[in-house]
N, C-alpha and C. Protein backbone atom coordinates (compact mmCIF):
# COMPACT_ATOMS: atom_id res chain seq x y z
N MET A 1 103.01 79.86 101.90
CA MET A 1 102.28 81.12 102.01
C MET A 1 100.79 80.93 101.72
N ARG A 2 100.39 79.74 101.31
CA ARG A 2 99.01 79.52 100.91
C ARG A 2 98.03 79.88 102.03
N HIS A 3 98.39 79.65 103.27
CA HIS A 3 97.47 79.90 104.38
C HIS A 3 97.16 81.38 104.55
N ARG A 4 97.96 82.26 103.93
CA ARG A 4 97.73 83.70 104.07
C ARG A 4 96.49 84.17 103.32
N GLY A 5 96.07 83.39 102.30
CA GLY A 5 94.90 83.78 101.53
C GLY A 5 94.33 82.62 100.75
N PRO A 6 93.18 82.10 101.16
CA PRO A 6 92.63 80.90 100.52
C PRO A 6 91.82 81.16 99.26
N ASP A 7 91.61 82.43 98.88
CA ASP A 7 90.67 82.74 97.81
C ASP A 7 91.30 82.83 96.43
N TRP A 8 92.62 83.04 96.35
CA TRP A 8 93.23 83.21 95.03
C TRP A 8 94.75 83.13 95.15
N SER A 9 95.37 82.48 94.17
CA SER A 9 96.83 82.48 94.06
C SER A 9 97.19 83.09 92.72
N GLY A 10 98.03 84.12 92.74
CA GLY A 10 98.41 84.80 91.50
C GLY A 10 99.90 85.02 91.42
N VAL A 11 100.45 84.95 90.20
CA VAL A 11 101.89 85.11 90.01
C VAL A 11 102.14 85.97 88.78
N TYR A 12 103.05 86.94 88.91
CA TYR A 12 103.60 87.67 87.77
C TYR A 12 105.06 87.26 87.66
N ALA A 13 105.49 86.90 86.45
CA ALA A 13 106.88 86.47 86.26
C ALA A 13 107.43 87.04 84.97
N SER A 14 108.61 87.61 85.05
CA SER A 14 109.34 88.08 83.87
C SER A 14 110.81 87.70 84.05
N ASP A 15 111.63 88.11 83.13
CA ASP A 15 113.06 87.81 83.25
C ASP A 15 113.71 88.56 84.40
N LYS A 16 113.07 89.64 84.85
CA LYS A 16 113.68 90.51 85.86
C LYS A 16 113.01 90.47 87.23
N ALA A 17 111.75 90.04 87.28
CA ALA A 17 111.02 90.12 88.56
C ALA A 17 109.94 89.05 88.64
N ILE A 18 109.65 88.65 89.87
CA ILE A 18 108.55 87.72 90.15
C ILE A 18 107.75 88.27 91.32
N LEU A 19 106.43 88.35 91.15
CA LEU A 19 105.52 88.74 92.22
C LEU A 19 104.54 87.60 92.43
N ALA A 20 104.38 87.16 93.66
CA ALA A 20 103.42 86.10 93.99
C ALA A 20 102.51 86.60 95.10
N HIS A 21 101.23 86.23 95.01
CA HIS A 21 100.25 86.75 95.97
C HIS A 21 99.22 85.69 96.32
N GLU A 22 98.91 85.60 97.61
CA GLU A 22 97.83 84.75 98.11
C GLU A 22 96.75 85.66 98.66
N ARG A 23 95.53 85.53 98.15
CA ARG A 23 94.50 86.52 98.44
C ARG A 23 93.43 86.03 99.41
N LEU A 24 93.10 86.91 100.35
CA LEU A 24 91.90 86.80 101.17
C LEU A 24 90.97 87.91 100.72
N SER A 25 89.84 87.56 100.10
CA SER A 25 88.96 88.55 99.47
C SER A 25 88.20 89.35 100.51
N ILE A 26 88.33 90.69 100.42
CA ILE A 26 87.60 91.60 101.31
C ILE A 26 86.88 92.67 100.51
N VAL A 27 87.60 93.31 99.57
CA VAL A 27 87.01 94.33 98.70
C VAL A 27 87.12 93.86 97.26
N ASP A 28 86.05 94.10 96.47
CA ASP A 28 85.98 93.64 95.07
C ASP A 28 86.26 92.14 95.01
N VAL A 29 85.38 91.38 95.64
CA VAL A 29 85.58 89.95 95.82
C VAL A 29 85.75 89.22 94.50
N ASN A 30 84.99 89.61 93.48
CA ASN A 30 84.97 88.87 92.22
C ASN A 30 86.05 89.28 91.24
N ALA A 31 86.57 90.51 91.34
CA ALA A 31 87.48 90.99 90.30
C ALA A 31 88.76 91.62 90.84
N GLY A 32 89.05 91.41 92.09
CA GLY A 32 90.21 92.06 92.68
C GLY A 32 91.43 91.17 92.84
N ALA A 33 91.53 90.12 92.01
CA ALA A 33 92.64 89.18 92.13
C ALA A 33 93.97 89.89 91.87
N GLN A 34 95.00 89.42 92.54
CA GLN A 34 96.34 89.99 92.39
C GLN A 34 97.29 88.95 91.81
N PRO A 35 98.41 89.44 91.25
CA PRO A 35 98.85 90.83 91.12
C PRO A 35 97.90 91.69 90.29
N LEU A 36 97.90 92.99 90.60
CA LEU A 36 97.13 93.97 89.86
C LEU A 36 98.01 94.59 88.78
N TYR A 37 97.37 95.03 87.68
CA TYR A 37 98.12 95.60 86.56
C TYR A 37 97.46 96.89 86.08
N ASN A 38 98.28 97.76 85.49
CA ASN A 38 97.71 98.90 84.78
C ASN A 38 97.19 98.43 83.43
N ALA A 39 96.54 99.31 82.69
CA ALA A 39 95.91 98.91 81.43
C ALA A 39 96.92 98.39 80.42
N GLU A 40 98.12 98.93 80.44
CA GLU A 40 99.16 98.53 79.47
C GLU A 40 99.94 97.31 79.92
N LYS A 41 99.65 96.81 81.13
CA LYS A 41 100.35 95.66 81.71
C LYS A 41 101.85 95.91 81.90
N THR A 42 102.23 97.17 82.06
CA THR A 42 103.64 97.50 82.28
C THR A 42 103.96 97.67 83.76
N HIS A 43 102.93 97.81 84.59
CA HIS A 43 103.12 97.93 86.03
C HIS A 43 102.39 96.78 86.70
N ALA A 44 103.09 96.03 87.53
CA ALA A 44 102.49 94.91 88.26
C ALA A 44 102.63 95.18 89.75
N LEU A 45 101.58 94.82 90.50
CA LEU A 45 101.52 95.18 91.92
C LEU A 45 100.99 94.02 92.74
N ALA A 46 101.68 93.70 93.82
CA ALA A 46 101.20 92.74 94.82
C ALA A 46 101.15 93.46 96.16
N VAL A 47 100.00 93.38 96.83
CA VAL A 47 99.77 94.12 98.08
C VAL A 47 99.19 93.21 99.14
N ASN A 48 99.65 93.37 100.35
CA ASN A 48 99.01 92.78 101.51
C ASN A 48 98.49 93.94 102.35
N GLY A 49 97.17 94.05 102.47
CA GLY A 49 96.64 95.13 103.28
C GLY A 49 95.34 95.70 102.76
N GLU A 50 94.97 96.85 103.29
CA GLU A 50 93.76 97.57 102.90
C GLU A 50 94.05 99.06 102.84
N ILE A 51 93.48 99.72 101.83
CA ILE A 51 93.61 101.17 101.69
C ILE A 51 92.27 101.79 102.05
N TYR A 52 92.21 102.49 103.17
CA TYR A 52 90.94 102.97 103.70
C TYR A 52 90.39 104.16 102.91
N ASN A 53 91.24 104.97 102.32
CA ASN A 53 90.76 106.13 101.57
C ASN A 53 90.76 105.88 100.07
N HIS A 54 90.58 104.63 99.68
CA HIS A 54 90.66 104.30 98.25
C HIS A 54 89.53 104.94 97.44
N GLN A 55 88.36 105.11 98.03
CA GLN A 55 87.26 105.70 97.27
C GLN A 55 87.54 107.15 96.92
N ALA A 56 88.10 107.90 97.86
CA ALA A 56 88.45 109.30 97.60
C ALA A 56 89.56 109.39 96.56
N LEU A 57 90.55 108.51 96.65
CA LEU A 57 91.64 108.52 95.68
C LEU A 57 91.17 108.09 94.30
N ARG A 58 90.26 107.13 94.26
CA ARG A 58 89.72 106.69 92.97
C ARG A 58 88.95 107.82 92.30
N ALA A 59 88.20 108.58 93.09
CA ALA A 59 87.46 109.71 92.53
C ALA A 59 88.41 110.79 92.04
N GLU A 60 89.52 110.99 92.74
CA GLU A 60 90.48 112.04 92.38
C GLU A 60 91.24 111.71 91.11
N TYR A 61 91.59 110.44 90.93
CA TYR A 61 92.45 110.07 89.81
C TYR A 61 91.72 109.31 88.70
N GLY A 62 90.41 109.13 88.85
CA GLY A 62 89.66 108.35 87.89
C GLY A 62 89.65 108.91 86.48
N ASP A 63 89.84 110.23 86.33
CA ASP A 63 89.84 110.81 84.99
C ASP A 63 91.22 110.76 84.34
N ARG A 64 92.24 110.31 85.10
CA ARG A 64 93.60 110.26 84.55
C ARG A 64 94.20 108.85 84.57
N TYR A 65 93.51 107.95 85.24
CA TYR A 65 94.00 106.57 85.30
C TYR A 65 92.86 105.63 84.97
N GLN A 66 93.13 104.65 84.14
CA GLN A 66 92.10 103.69 83.72
C GLN A 66 92.09 102.51 84.68
N PHE A 67 91.18 102.55 85.64
CA PHE A 67 91.10 101.47 86.62
C PHE A 67 90.61 100.19 85.97
N GLN A 68 91.22 99.07 86.36
CA GLN A 68 90.90 97.78 85.77
C GLN A 68 89.94 96.96 86.63
N ALA A 69 89.82 97.30 87.91
CA ALA A 69 88.97 96.54 88.82
C ALA A 69 88.51 97.47 89.94
N GLY A 70 87.82 96.90 90.92
CA GLY A 70 87.34 97.70 92.04
C GLY A 70 88.17 97.53 93.29
N SER A 71 89.32 96.91 93.17
CA SER A 71 90.17 96.67 94.33
C SER A 71 90.60 97.97 94.99
N ASP A 72 90.55 98.01 96.31
CA ASP A 72 91.00 99.20 97.03
C ASP A 72 92.49 99.46 96.80
N CYS A 73 93.25 98.41 96.57
CA CYS A 73 94.71 98.55 96.42
C CYS A 73 95.13 99.06 95.05
N GLU A 74 94.23 99.07 94.08
CA GLU A 74 94.62 99.52 92.74
C GLU A 74 94.95 101.00 92.71
N VAL A 75 94.50 101.75 93.70
CA VAL A 75 94.85 103.18 93.74
C VAL A 75 96.35 103.39 93.87
N ILE A 76 97.07 102.38 94.34
CA ILE A 76 98.53 102.47 94.41
C ILE A 76 99.11 102.62 93.01
N LEU A 77 98.58 101.89 92.05
CA LEU A 77 99.03 102.00 90.66
C LEU A 77 98.71 103.38 90.09
N ALA A 78 97.53 103.90 90.42
CA ALA A 78 97.16 105.23 89.94
C ALA A 78 98.09 106.30 90.50
N LEU A 79 98.39 106.20 91.78
CA LEU A 79 99.28 107.17 92.41
C LEU A 79 100.70 107.07 91.84
N TYR A 80 101.15 105.85 91.60
CA TYR A 80 102.49 105.67 91.04
C TYR A 80 102.57 106.28 89.64
N GLN A 81 101.53 106.06 88.84
CA GLN A 81 101.52 106.64 87.49
C GLN A 81 101.57 108.16 87.55
N GLU A 82 100.90 108.73 88.53
CA GLU A 82 100.79 110.19 88.64
C GLU A 82 102.04 110.83 89.28
N LYS A 83 102.59 110.17 90.30
CA LYS A 83 103.61 110.83 91.12
C LYS A 83 104.95 110.12 91.16
N GLY A 84 105.05 108.93 90.55
CA GLY A 84 106.28 108.18 90.72
C GLY A 84 106.33 107.57 92.11
N PRO A 85 107.52 107.35 92.66
CA PRO A 85 107.61 106.63 93.93
C PRO A 85 107.24 107.44 95.17
N GLU A 86 107.07 108.73 95.05
CA GLU A 86 106.88 109.57 96.24
C GLU A 86 105.40 109.88 96.49
N PHE A 87 104.62 108.84 96.74
CA PHE A 87 103.18 109.03 96.94
C PHE A 87 102.66 108.39 98.21
N LEU A 88 103.49 107.69 98.94
CA LEU A 88 102.97 106.83 100.00
C LEU A 88 102.27 107.58 101.12
N ASP A 89 102.63 108.82 101.34
CA ASP A 89 101.98 109.59 102.39
C ASP A 89 100.54 109.93 102.04
N ASP A 90 100.14 109.70 100.78
CA ASP A 90 98.75 109.92 100.38
C ASP A 90 97.84 108.76 100.79
N LEU A 91 98.44 107.63 101.14
CA LEU A 91 97.66 106.44 101.48
C LEU A 91 97.29 106.43 102.95
N GLN A 92 96.03 106.09 103.22
CA GLN A 92 95.57 105.85 104.58
C GLN A 92 95.18 104.39 104.67
N GLY A 93 95.88 103.65 105.50
CA GLY A 93 95.56 102.23 105.60
C GLY A 93 96.69 101.44 106.20
N MET A 94 96.60 100.14 106.05
CA MET A 94 97.66 99.23 106.47
C MET A 94 98.07 98.44 105.24
N PHE A 95 99.37 98.40 104.96
CA PHE A 95 99.78 97.78 103.70
C PHE A 95 101.27 97.48 103.69
N ALA A 96 101.61 96.51 102.88
CA ALA A 96 102.98 96.25 102.45
C ALA A 96 102.86 95.82 101.00
N PHE A 97 103.66 96.41 100.12
CA PHE A 97 103.48 96.11 98.70
C PHE A 97 104.81 96.06 97.96
N ALA A 98 104.75 95.38 96.81
CA ALA A 98 105.86 95.37 95.86
C ALA A 98 105.28 95.72 94.49
N LEU A 99 105.86 96.72 93.86
CA LEU A 99 105.41 97.18 92.53
C LEU A 99 106.59 97.07 91.58
N TYR A 100 106.35 96.46 90.41
CA TYR A 100 107.41 96.36 89.40
C TYR A 100 106.99 97.10 88.14
N ASP A 101 107.88 97.97 87.67
CA ASP A 101 107.68 98.76 86.46
C ASP A 101 108.59 98.18 85.38
N SER A 102 108.00 97.46 84.42
CA SER A 102 108.81 96.80 83.39
C SER A 102 109.40 97.78 82.39
N GLU A 103 108.76 98.94 82.20
CA GLU A 103 109.31 99.94 81.28
C GLU A 103 110.62 100.52 81.82
N LYS A 104 110.67 100.75 83.11
CA LYS A 104 111.88 101.31 83.73
C LYS A 104 112.78 100.25 84.33
N ASP A 105 112.32 99.00 84.30
CA ASP A 105 113.02 97.91 84.99
C ASP A 105 113.37 98.35 86.40
N ALA A 106 112.34 98.74 87.14
CA ALA A 106 112.52 99.26 88.49
C ALA A 106 111.42 98.71 89.39
N TYR A 107 111.74 98.60 90.67
CA TYR A 107 110.73 98.16 91.62
C TYR A 107 110.61 99.14 92.78
N LEU A 108 109.43 99.14 93.38
CA LEU A 108 109.12 100.00 94.52
C LEU A 108 108.55 99.12 95.62
N ILE A 109 109.14 99.19 96.79
CA ILE A 109 108.67 98.45 97.96
C ILE A 109 108.21 99.47 99.00
N GLY A 110 107.04 99.25 99.59
CA GLY A 110 106.53 100.20 100.58
C GLY A 110 105.83 99.51 101.73
N ARG A 111 105.86 100.16 102.89
CA ARG A 111 105.19 99.63 104.09
C ARG A 111 104.46 100.76 104.80
N ASP A 112 103.35 100.42 105.43
CA ASP A 112 102.50 101.44 106.05
C ASP A 112 103.19 102.18 107.18
N HIS A 113 102.55 103.27 107.60
CA HIS A 113 103.18 104.28 108.45
C HIS A 113 103.74 103.77 109.77
N ILE A 114 103.04 102.82 110.42
CA ILE A 114 103.54 102.31 111.70
C ILE A 114 103.83 100.81 111.67
N GLY A 115 103.83 100.23 110.49
CA GLY A 115 104.21 98.83 110.37
C GLY A 115 103.17 97.85 110.84
N ILE A 116 101.90 98.15 110.58
CA ILE A 116 100.83 97.22 110.95
C ILE A 116 100.98 95.91 110.18
N ILE A 117 101.26 96.02 108.89
CA ILE A 117 101.48 94.84 108.06
C ILE A 117 102.97 94.48 108.09
N PRO A 118 103.31 93.24 108.39
CA PRO A 118 104.72 92.85 108.44
C PRO A 118 105.35 92.80 107.05
N LEU A 119 106.65 93.05 106.99
CA LEU A 119 107.38 92.95 105.73
C LEU A 119 108.85 92.70 106.05
N TYR A 120 109.41 91.72 105.35
CA TYR A 120 110.80 91.35 105.56
C TYR A 120 111.53 91.35 104.22
N MET A 121 112.85 91.53 104.29
CA MET A 121 113.65 91.59 103.07
C MET A 121 114.95 90.82 103.27
N GLY A 122 115.53 90.37 102.15
CA GLY A 122 116.78 89.65 102.23
C GLY A 122 117.40 89.44 100.86
N HIS A 123 118.62 88.93 100.84
CA HIS A 123 119.34 88.63 99.60
C HIS A 123 119.78 87.17 99.62
N ASP A 124 119.76 86.54 98.44
CA ASP A 124 120.29 85.19 98.35
C ASP A 124 121.78 85.24 98.03
N GLU A 125 122.38 84.10 97.84
CA GLU A 125 123.83 84.02 97.63
C GLU A 125 124.28 84.65 96.32
N HIS A 126 123.32 84.87 95.41
CA HIS A 126 123.64 85.48 94.12
C HIS A 126 123.36 86.99 94.11
N GLY A 127 122.89 87.50 95.24
CA GLY A 127 122.59 88.92 95.32
C GLY A 127 121.19 89.31 94.92
N ASN A 128 120.34 88.33 94.62
CA ASN A 128 118.95 88.63 94.27
C ASN A 128 118.20 89.11 95.50
N PHE A 129 117.32 90.08 95.31
CA PHE A 129 116.60 90.73 96.40
C PHE A 129 115.21 90.13 96.55
N TYR A 130 114.81 89.84 97.79
CA TYR A 130 113.52 89.25 98.09
C TYR A 130 112.81 90.08 99.16
N VAL A 131 111.48 90.14 99.06
CA VAL A 131 110.66 90.66 100.14
C VAL A 131 109.47 89.72 100.33
N ALA A 132 108.98 89.63 101.55
CA ALA A 132 107.83 88.77 101.85
C ALA A 132 107.17 89.24 103.12
N SER A 133 105.89 88.94 103.25
CA SER A 133 105.15 89.34 104.44
C SER A 133 105.34 88.37 105.59
N GLU A 134 106.00 87.23 105.34
CA GLU A 134 106.35 86.31 106.40
C GLU A 134 107.83 85.96 106.29
N MET A 135 108.51 85.99 107.42
CA MET A 135 109.95 85.73 107.42
C MET A 135 110.27 84.32 106.92
N LYS A 136 109.41 83.36 107.26
CA LYS A 136 109.72 81.97 106.91
C LYS A 136 109.72 81.73 105.41
N ALA A 137 109.11 82.63 104.64
CA ALA A 137 109.16 82.49 103.19
C ALA A 137 110.55 82.79 102.65
N LEU A 138 111.34 83.56 103.40
CA LEU A 138 112.69 83.93 102.96
C LEU A 138 113.77 83.01 103.49
N VAL A 139 113.49 82.30 104.57
CA VAL A 139 114.51 81.49 105.22
C VAL A 139 115.19 80.49 104.29
N PRO A 140 114.47 79.79 103.40
CA PRO A 140 115.13 78.80 102.56
C PRO A 140 116.09 79.39 101.52
N VAL A 141 115.94 80.68 101.19
CA VAL A 141 116.73 81.23 100.08
C VAL A 141 117.65 82.37 100.47
N CYS A 142 117.36 83.07 101.55
CA CYS A 142 118.13 84.27 101.89
C CYS A 142 119.16 83.99 102.99
N ARG A 143 120.35 84.51 102.78
CA ARG A 143 121.41 84.38 103.77
C ARG A 143 121.21 85.36 104.92
N THR A 144 120.73 86.55 104.60
CA THR A 144 120.46 87.57 105.61
C THR A 144 119.03 88.05 105.45
N ILE A 145 118.35 88.23 106.57
CA ILE A 145 116.96 88.68 106.56
C ILE A 145 116.82 89.83 107.56
N LYS A 146 116.16 90.89 107.12
CA LYS A 146 115.91 92.04 107.97
C LYS A 146 114.45 92.45 107.86
N GLU A 147 113.97 93.14 108.88
CA GLU A 147 112.64 93.73 108.81
C GLU A 147 112.70 95.00 107.98
N PHE A 148 111.76 95.13 107.05
CA PHE A 148 111.65 96.37 106.29
C PHE A 148 111.05 97.42 107.21
N PRO A 149 111.67 98.59 107.35
CA PRO A 149 111.22 99.57 108.34
C PRO A 149 109.84 100.14 108.03
N ALA A 150 109.06 100.38 109.07
CA ALA A 150 107.74 100.98 108.93
C ALA A 150 107.85 102.40 108.42
N GLY A 151 106.79 102.84 107.71
CA GLY A 151 106.75 104.22 107.23
C GLY A 151 107.82 104.55 106.22
N SER A 152 108.26 103.54 105.46
CA SER A 152 109.37 103.74 104.54
C SER A 152 109.09 103.11 103.18
N TYR A 153 109.90 103.50 102.19
CA TYR A 153 109.84 102.87 100.88
C TYR A 153 111.24 102.71 100.30
N LEU A 154 111.35 101.78 99.38
CA LEU A 154 112.61 101.55 98.67
C LEU A 154 112.34 101.64 97.18
N TRP A 155 113.00 102.58 96.51
CA TRP A 155 112.92 102.74 95.06
C TRP A 155 114.24 102.24 94.49
N SER A 156 114.17 101.22 93.65
CA SER A 156 115.39 100.53 93.23
C SER A 156 116.33 101.42 92.43
N LYS A 157 115.81 102.47 91.82
CA LYS A 157 116.66 103.34 91.01
C LYS A 157 117.68 104.11 91.85
N ASP A 158 117.36 104.38 93.11
CA ASP A 158 118.37 105.03 93.96
C ASP A 158 118.90 104.09 95.05
N GLY A 159 118.19 102.97 95.27
CA GLY A 159 118.70 101.94 96.16
C GLY A 159 118.70 102.26 97.63
N GLU A 160 118.02 103.33 98.02
CA GLU A 160 118.00 103.73 99.42
C GLU A 160 116.60 103.57 100.01
N ILE A 161 116.55 103.11 101.25
CA ILE A 161 115.28 103.06 101.98
C ILE A 161 115.03 104.44 102.57
N ARG A 162 113.91 105.04 102.20
CA ARG A 162 113.60 106.40 102.64
C ARG A 162 112.35 106.40 103.53
N GLN A 163 112.40 107.18 104.58
CA GLN A 163 111.25 107.33 105.47
C GLN A 163 110.33 108.42 104.93
N TYR A 164 109.09 108.03 104.63
CA TYR A 164 108.13 109.01 104.13
C TYR A 164 107.21 109.52 105.23
N TYR A 165 107.03 108.73 106.29
CA TYR A 165 106.08 109.12 107.33
C TYR A 165 106.80 109.89 108.43
N GLN A 166 106.59 111.19 108.45
CA GLN A 166 107.20 112.05 109.45
C GLN A 166 106.16 113.06 109.93
N ARG A 167 106.00 113.19 111.23
CA ARG A 167 105.01 114.08 111.81
C ARG A 167 105.65 114.93 112.91
N ASP A 168 105.07 116.12 113.13
CA ASP A 168 105.65 116.99 114.15
C ASP A 168 105.50 116.41 115.54
N TRP A 169 104.46 115.57 115.77
CA TRP A 169 104.28 115.03 117.10
C TRP A 169 105.28 113.92 117.44
N PHE A 170 106.16 113.58 116.51
CA PHE A 170 107.26 112.70 116.86
C PHE A 170 108.15 113.35 117.93
N ASP A 171 108.15 114.68 117.92
CA ASP A 171 108.94 115.45 118.88
C ASP A 171 108.02 115.95 119.99
N TYR A 172 108.20 115.47 121.19
CA TYR A 172 107.32 115.83 122.30
C TYR A 172 107.27 117.33 122.53
N ASP A 173 108.40 118.00 122.40
CA ASP A 173 108.44 119.44 122.65
C ASP A 173 107.54 120.22 121.69
N ALA A 174 107.27 119.64 120.52
CA ALA A 174 106.44 120.33 119.53
C ALA A 174 104.96 120.27 119.88
N VAL A 175 104.56 119.33 120.74
CA VAL A 175 103.13 119.15 121.03
C VAL A 175 102.82 119.17 122.52
N LYS A 176 103.79 119.39 123.36
CA LYS A 176 103.57 119.28 124.80
C LYS A 176 102.56 120.28 125.35
N ASP A 177 102.37 121.39 124.65
CA ASP A 177 101.43 122.40 125.12
C ASP A 177 100.06 122.30 124.45
N ASN A 178 99.86 121.28 123.63
CA ASN A 178 98.57 121.10 122.97
C ASN A 178 97.47 120.83 124.00
N VAL A 179 96.29 121.37 123.74
CA VAL A 179 95.15 121.16 124.63
C VAL A 179 94.44 119.87 124.24
N THR A 180 94.15 119.03 125.23
CA THR A 180 93.44 117.77 124.99
C THR A 180 91.94 118.02 125.09
N ASP A 181 91.22 117.63 124.03
CA ASP A 181 89.78 117.83 123.98
C ASP A 181 89.10 116.47 123.87
N LYS A 182 88.27 116.14 124.85
CA LYS A 182 87.61 114.85 124.88
C LYS A 182 86.71 114.63 123.67
N ASN A 183 86.00 115.65 123.26
CA ASN A 183 85.10 115.53 122.11
C ASN A 183 85.86 115.33 120.80
N GLU A 184 86.97 116.04 120.65
CA GLU A 184 87.78 115.87 119.45
C GLU A 184 88.37 114.47 119.38
N LEU A 185 88.78 113.96 120.53
CA LEU A 185 89.32 112.60 120.58
C LEU A 185 88.26 111.58 120.19
N ARG A 186 87.05 111.75 120.70
CA ARG A 186 85.97 110.83 120.36
C ARG A 186 85.64 110.90 118.88
N GLN A 187 85.58 112.11 118.33
CA GLN A 187 85.28 112.28 116.91
C GLN A 187 86.36 111.61 116.05
N ALA A 188 87.61 111.80 116.42
CA ALA A 188 88.70 111.19 115.66
C ALA A 188 88.63 109.67 115.70
N LEU A 189 88.28 109.12 116.87
CA LEU A 189 88.15 107.68 117.00
C LEU A 189 87.00 107.15 116.15
N GLU A 190 85.85 107.82 116.18
CA GLU A 190 84.70 107.39 115.40
C GLU A 190 84.99 107.46 113.90
N GLU A 191 85.67 108.52 113.46
CA GLU A 191 86.00 108.65 112.05
C GLU A 191 86.98 107.57 111.62
N SER A 192 87.90 107.23 112.49
CA SER A 192 88.86 106.18 112.17
C SER A 192 88.18 104.83 112.03
N VAL A 193 87.29 104.51 112.96
CA VAL A 193 86.56 103.24 112.89
C VAL A 193 85.70 103.19 111.64
N LYS A 194 85.01 104.28 111.33
CA LYS A 194 84.16 104.33 110.15
C LYS A 194 84.96 104.11 108.88
N SER A 195 86.17 104.66 108.81
CA SER A 195 86.98 104.51 107.61
C SER A 195 87.41 103.07 107.39
N HIS A 196 87.42 102.27 108.46
CA HIS A 196 87.82 100.87 108.34
C HIS A 196 86.68 99.98 107.85
N LEU A 197 85.45 100.47 107.90
CA LEU A 197 84.29 99.64 107.58
C LEU A 197 83.92 99.79 106.11
N MET A 198 84.80 99.33 105.22
CA MET A 198 84.54 99.48 103.79
C MET A 198 84.63 98.14 103.08
N SER A 199 84.31 97.07 103.79
CA SER A 199 84.42 95.73 103.25
C SER A 199 83.23 95.38 102.35
N ASP A 200 83.47 94.52 101.35
CA ASP A 200 82.40 93.99 100.51
C ASP A 200 81.89 92.65 101.02
N VAL A 201 82.39 92.21 102.15
CA VAL A 201 81.93 90.98 102.78
C VAL A 201 81.43 91.32 104.18
N PRO A 202 80.59 90.47 104.79
CA PRO A 202 80.06 90.78 106.12
C PRO A 202 81.16 90.93 107.17
N TYR A 203 80.92 91.79 108.11
CA TYR A 203 81.86 91.97 109.21
C TYR A 203 81.08 92.01 110.52
N GLY A 204 81.78 91.78 111.61
CA GLY A 204 81.14 91.79 112.92
C GLY A 204 82.00 92.52 113.93
N VAL A 205 81.42 92.79 115.06
CA VAL A 205 82.11 93.47 116.15
C VAL A 205 81.97 92.64 117.41
N ALA A 206 83.07 92.45 118.10
CA ALA A 206 83.05 91.70 119.36
C ALA A 206 83.58 92.59 120.47
N ALA A 207 82.89 92.58 121.59
CA ALA A 207 83.32 93.36 122.76
C ALA A 207 83.65 92.40 123.89
N LEU A 208 84.76 92.66 124.55
CA LEU A 208 85.20 91.79 125.64
C LEU A 208 85.34 92.62 126.91
N ARG A 209 84.71 92.17 127.95
CA ARG A 209 84.79 92.86 129.23
C ARG A 209 85.64 92.03 130.19
N ARG A 210 86.59 92.70 130.78
CA ARG A 210 87.43 92.03 131.78
C ARG A 210 87.07 92.55 133.17
N SER A 211 86.82 91.64 134.08
CA SER A 211 86.44 92.04 135.44
C SER A 211 87.68 92.23 136.30
């Protein structure tokens, strides 16, 4: 997994859970190493992805959660502290994460709304549960491997994968009479692109024309 992130290797290990992370630094380059922890070190988090609305969430929860770094992904810990496992619809971004709560001896696995970030899960011969962002990381140890469904989360206390991302436009009949507005579409596209440009490292844009 080293090739997934050349900037940092981090591991959380306890008797009940292990989180390992390979980092590619984009936001909070100097202090955003993972796994991330809450102030009490009772919640550990490993994330692959980016949270585009992290600044708004940080402002909203900053008076109730003690942030430890400037990482965009740390807002996941703040939301978990505030709401428990049912917060994923508050996140705007692409992500796959594993969060372990040592106080409750519970874990939370989540994946972004349309599955931009890959995530796979499996069990070994002893029944131990694994998740990874690359399937080949699970092949040596897991007898069965499945894709973790997009727009869903797994809370170990109930053991069920639940879909959190549900919209009315999933049903064509609910939106078939909607009026299409060119200006609204352009505005939505521009706002989406702008929300993605929150990196602490240089970025570029490439345009390709096909004849």
